[in-house]
N, C-alpha and C. Protein backbone atom coordinates (compact mmCIF):
# COMPACT_ATOMS: atom_id res chain seq x y z
N GLN A 1 -140.73 -122.14 -155.67
CA GLN A 1 -140.71 -122.19 -154.22
C GLN A 1 -142.06 -123.07 -153.97
N VAL A 2 -142.96 -123.21 -154.77
CA VAL A 2 -143.91 -124.37 -154.51
C VAL A 2 -143.27 -125.91 -154.72
N LYS A 3 -142.03 -126.27 -155.27
CA LYS A 3 -142.02 -127.31 -155.61
C LYS A 3 -141.77 -127.97 -154.59
N PRO A 4 -142.18 -128.08 -152.91
CA PRO A 4 -142.03 -129.14 -152.39
C PRO A 4 -143.58 -129.47 -151.89
N GLN A 5 -144.31 -128.53 -152.12
CA GLN A 5 -145.95 -128.55 -151.83
C GLN A 5 -146.34 -129.07 -153.08
N PHE A 6 -145.71 -128.78 -154.24
CA PHE A 6 -146.20 -129.64 -155.31
C PHE A 6 -145.32 -131.39 -155.44
N GLU A 7 -144.43 -132.07 -154.49
CA GLU A 7 -144.04 -132.76 -155.06
C GLU A 7 -144.94 -133.87 -152.78
N SER A 8 -144.61 -133.61 -152.30
CA SER A 8 -145.82 -134.03 -151.11
C SER A 8 -147.21 -134.63 -151.76
N GLN A 9 -147.99 -133.18 -152.58
CA GLN A 9 -149.24 -133.23 -152.67
C GLN A 9 -149.32 -134.57 -153.86
N THR A 10 -147.96 -135.01 -154.55
CA THR A 10 -148.71 -135.84 -155.87
C THR A 10 -147.43 -136.54 -155.36
N ASN A 11 -147.13 -136.85 -154.26
CA ASN A 11 -146.42 -137.97 -154.07
C ASN A 11 -145.37 -138.32 -155.12
N MET A 12 -144.54 -137.60 -155.64
CA MET A 12 -144.07 -137.45 -156.86
C MET A 12 -142.62 -136.64 -155.94
N ASN A 13 -141.51 -136.58 -157.10
CA ASN A 13 -139.86 -135.97 -157.10
C ASN A 13 -139.29 -136.60 -158.05
N CYS A 14 -140.01 -134.88 -158.43
CA CYS A 14 -139.16 -133.90 -159.97
C CYS A 14 -137.80 -133.35 -159.87
N ALA A 15 -137.41 -134.37 -161.28
CA ALA A 15 -135.93 -134.00 -161.21
C ALA A 15 -136.11 -132.62 -162.07
N VAL A 16 -137.08 -132.55 -163.10
CA VAL A 16 -137.33 -131.26 -163.98
C VAL A 16 -138.60 -130.19 -163.11
N PHE A 17 -138.43 -129.20 -163.22
CA PHE A 17 -139.44 -128.38 -162.65
C PHE A 17 -139.31 -127.15 -162.66
N THR A 18 -138.82 -127.26 -164.44
CA THR A 18 -139.60 -125.28 -165.14
C THR A 18 -140.18 -124.68 -165.78
N ALA A 19 -140.35 -123.94 -165.08
CA ALA A 19 -141.33 -123.16 -165.76
C ALA A 19 -142.06 -122.89 -166.74
N ILE A 20 -142.72 -122.89 -167.95
CA ILE A 20 -142.75 -122.72 -169.22
C ILE A 20 -143.49 -121.65 -169.69
N GLU A 21 -144.61 -120.83 -168.97
CA GLU A 21 -145.64 -119.68 -168.89
C GLU A 21 -146.51 -119.97 -167.44
N TYR A 22 -146.81 -118.45 -167.52
CA TYR A 22 -147.70 -118.26 -166.49
C TYR A 22 -148.81 -116.67 -166.53
N LYS A 23 -149.60 -117.63 -166.48
CA LYS A 23 -150.86 -115.71 -165.90
C LYS A 23 -150.87 -115.77 -164.51
N THR A 24 -151.45 -114.38 -164.72
CA THR A 24 -152.58 -113.85 -163.31
C THR A 24 -153.40 -113.70 -163.50
N GLN A 25 -153.73 -113.82 -161.91
CA GLN A 25 -155.74 -113.40 -161.68
C GLN A 25 -154.82 -112.12 -160.04
N VAL A 26 -155.13 -110.71 -160.22
CA VAL A 26 -155.06 -109.69 -159.53
C VAL A 26 -156.92 -110.55 -158.45
N VAL A 27 -156.37 -110.79 -157.21
CA VAL A 27 -157.71 -111.11 -156.12
C VAL A 27 -157.27 -110.25 -154.78
N ALA A 28 -156.91 -110.60 -153.46
CA ALA A 28 -156.93 -110.27 -152.30
C ALA A 28 -155.38 -110.48 -152.04
N GLY A 29 -154.75 -110.38 -153.09
CA GLY A 29 -153.27 -111.22 -153.63
C GLY A 29 -153.22 -110.96 -154.77
N THR A 30 -152.44 -112.27 -155.37
CA THR A 30 -152.37 -112.35 -157.53
C THR A 30 -152.62 -114.10 -156.54
N ILE A 31 -153.29 -114.66 -158.23
CA ILE A 31 -153.28 -115.90 -158.02
C ILE A 31 -152.78 -116.44 -159.14
N TYR A 32 -151.42 -117.44 -159.14
CA TYR A 32 -150.49 -116.84 -159.94
C TYR A 32 -151.09 -119.19 -161.48
N PHE A 33 -151.33 -119.09 -162.27
CA PHE A 33 -151.75 -120.56 -162.90
C PHE A 33 -150.59 -119.97 -163.35
N ILE A 34 -149.88 -121.08 -163.43
CA ILE A 34 -148.07 -121.99 -164.39
C ILE A 34 -147.98 -123.36 -164.56
N LYS A 35 -147.33 -122.92 -166.27
CA LYS A 35 -147.48 -124.78 -166.31
C LYS A 35 -145.66 -125.06 -166.28
N VAL A 36 -145.40 -126.18 -165.47
CA VAL A 36 -144.58 -126.24 -165.83
C VAL A 36 -143.64 -127.87 -166.43
N GLN A 37 -142.80 -127.73 -166.62
CA GLN A 37 -142.03 -129.10 -166.83
C GLN A 37 -141.98 -129.90 -166.09
N LEU A 38 -141.85 -130.86 -166.38
CA LEU A 38 -141.18 -132.12 -165.32
C LEU A 38 -140.33 -132.91 -166.02
N SER A 39 -141.14 -133.35 -167.05
CA SER A 39 -140.42 -134.36 -167.62
C SER A 39 -140.20 -133.78 -169.34
N ASP A 40 -139.18 -134.82 -170.22
CA ASP A 40 -139.30 -134.24 -171.37
C ASP A 40 -140.93 -134.66 -171.95
N ALA A 41 -141.92 -134.77 -172.16
CA ALA A 41 -143.94 -134.82 -172.36
C ALA A 41 -144.20 -134.85 -171.23
N GLU A 42 -143.88 -134.76 -169.55
CA GLU A 42 -145.33 -134.22 -168.73
C GLU A 42 -144.81 -132.90 -168.09
N TYR A 43 -146.81 -132.20 -168.08
CA TYR A 43 -146.22 -130.81 -167.87
C TYR A 43 -146.95 -131.01 -166.65
N ALA A 44 -147.41 -130.36 -165.90
CA ALA A 44 -148.44 -129.84 -165.43
C ALA A 44 -148.80 -128.43 -165.06
N HIS A 45 -149.77 -128.04 -164.71
CA HIS A 45 -150.59 -126.46 -164.47
C HIS A 45 -150.41 -126.29 -162.56
N LEU A 46 -150.29 -125.33 -162.61
CA LEU A 46 -150.62 -124.71 -160.81
C LEU A 46 -150.74 -123.84 -160.75
N LYS A 47 -151.76 -123.82 -159.82
CA LYS A 47 -152.76 -122.33 -159.49
C LYS A 47 -151.83 -122.32 -157.78
N VAL A 48 -151.08 -121.21 -157.88
CA VAL A 48 -150.92 -120.68 -156.36
C VAL A 48 -150.80 -119.57 -156.20
N PHE A 49 -151.27 -119.15 -155.00
CA PHE A 49 -151.92 -117.77 -154.48
C PHE A 49 -150.45 -117.23 -153.52
N GLN A 50 -150.33 -116.06 -154.42
CA GLN A 50 -149.92 -115.30 -153.53
C GLN A 50 -150.19 -113.63 -152.59
N SER A 51 -149.96 -114.12 -151.33
CA SER A 51 -150.70 -112.80 -150.50
C SER A 51 -150.53 -111.60 -150.55
N LEU A 52 -150.79 -110.47 -150.66
CA LEU A 52 -150.20 -109.61 -149.90
C LEU A 52 -148.60 -108.90 -149.38
N PRO A 53 -148.19 -108.27 -149.87
CA PRO A 53 -146.98 -108.91 -149.58
C PRO A 53 -147.05 -107.82 -147.30
N GLN A 54 -147.63 -106.75 -147.08
CA GLN A 54 -148.04 -106.82 -146.03
C GLN A 54 -148.10 -107.81 -145.13
N GLU A 55 -148.88 -109.29 -145.15
CA GLU A 55 -149.22 -110.26 -144.80
C GLU A 55 -147.95 -111.42 -145.09
N ASN A 56 -147.00 -111.00 -145.56
CA ASN A 56 -145.36 -111.41 -145.42
C ASN A 56 -145.51 -113.21 -145.25
N LEU A 57 -146.19 -113.99 -146.05
CA LEU A 57 -146.27 -115.58 -146.34
C LEU A 57 -145.96 -115.68 -147.89
N GLY A 58 -145.15 -116.51 -148.04
CA GLY A 58 -144.62 -116.95 -148.88
C GLY A 58 -145.91 -117.90 -149.71
N PRO A 59 -145.56 -117.77 -151.05
CA PRO A 59 -146.74 -118.30 -151.92
C PRO A 59 -147.25 -119.93 -151.76
N SER A 60 -148.02 -120.58 -152.01
CA SER A 60 -148.90 -121.35 -151.22
C SER A 60 -149.68 -121.68 -152.72
N LEU A 61 -149.57 -123.62 -153.16
CA LEU A 61 -149.57 -124.66 -153.70
C LEU A 61 -151.41 -124.76 -153.38
N VAL A 62 -152.04 -124.12 -153.97
CA VAL A 62 -153.74 -123.94 -154.05
C VAL A 62 -154.74 -125.20 -154.95
N GLY A 63 -153.80 -125.58 -156.20
CA GLY A 63 -154.51 -126.53 -156.47
C GLY A 63 -153.38 -126.94 -157.54
N PHE A 64 -153.64 -127.87 -158.95
CA PHE A 64 -152.63 -128.21 -159.67
C PHE A 64 -153.86 -129.30 -160.41
N GLN A 65 -153.23 -129.58 -161.82
CA GLN A 65 -153.78 -129.85 -162.84
C GLN A 65 -152.73 -131.00 -163.58
N THR A 66 -152.38 -132.15 -163.27
CA THR A 66 -151.15 -133.24 -163.82
C THR A 66 -151.65 -133.84 -164.99
N GLY A 67 -151.08 -134.43 -166.15
CA GLY A 67 -151.11 -135.74 -167.43
C GLY A 67 -151.12 -134.02 -168.27
N LYS A 68 -150.56 -132.72 -168.23
CA LYS A 68 -150.40 -132.26 -169.52
C LYS A 68 -149.36 -132.27 -170.23
N THR A 69 -149.77 -131.65 -171.20
CA THR A 69 -148.51 -131.65 -172.58
C THR A 69 -147.98 -130.15 -172.99
N ARG A 70 -147.02 -130.16 -173.27
CA ARG A 70 -146.83 -128.66 -173.66
C ARG A 70 -147.41 -127.64 -175.18
N ASP A 71 -148.54 -128.42 -175.14
CA ASP A 71 -149.34 -127.59 -176.36
C ASP A 71 -150.40 -127.39 -175.70
N ASP A 72 -151.23 -128.51 -174.75
CA ASP A 72 -152.41 -127.83 -174.05
C ASP A 72 -152.07 -126.33 -173.11
N PRO A 73 -153.41 -126.12 -173.45
CA PRO A 73 -153.39 -124.16 -173.58
C PRO A 73 -153.94 -123.54 -171.95
N LEU A 74 -152.99 -122.96 -171.41
CA LEU A 74 -153.23 -122.47 -169.45
C LEU A 74 -154.77 -121.75 -169.42
N THR A 75 -155.64 -122.41 -169.11
CA THR A 75 -156.38 -121.85 -168.50
C THR A 75 -156.42 -121.65 -167.15
N TYR A 76 -157.90 -121.20 -166.53
CA TYR A 76 -158.12 -120.50 -165.12
C TYR A 76 -158.56 -122.07 -165.24
N PHE A 77 -158.07 -122.38 -163.55
CA PHE A 77 -158.98 -123.50 -162.84
C PHE A 77 -159.35 -122.75 -161.51
């Protein structure tokens, strides 16, 4: 759901956009830290905020780190 947001913020067109791993942090909603595969050797870490259900809003990309590898640990940022 956040692929278009990522592509517009990075000026990239991702043929591959596969979630590999994720962690969550509960706040007034949920923050997801997601490792995403962009190509054979390129990965990105995304920070996605999902508000509470009653707010009826979709997920929002609030941060990302590019230039990651499959072996880079997924950490809070």
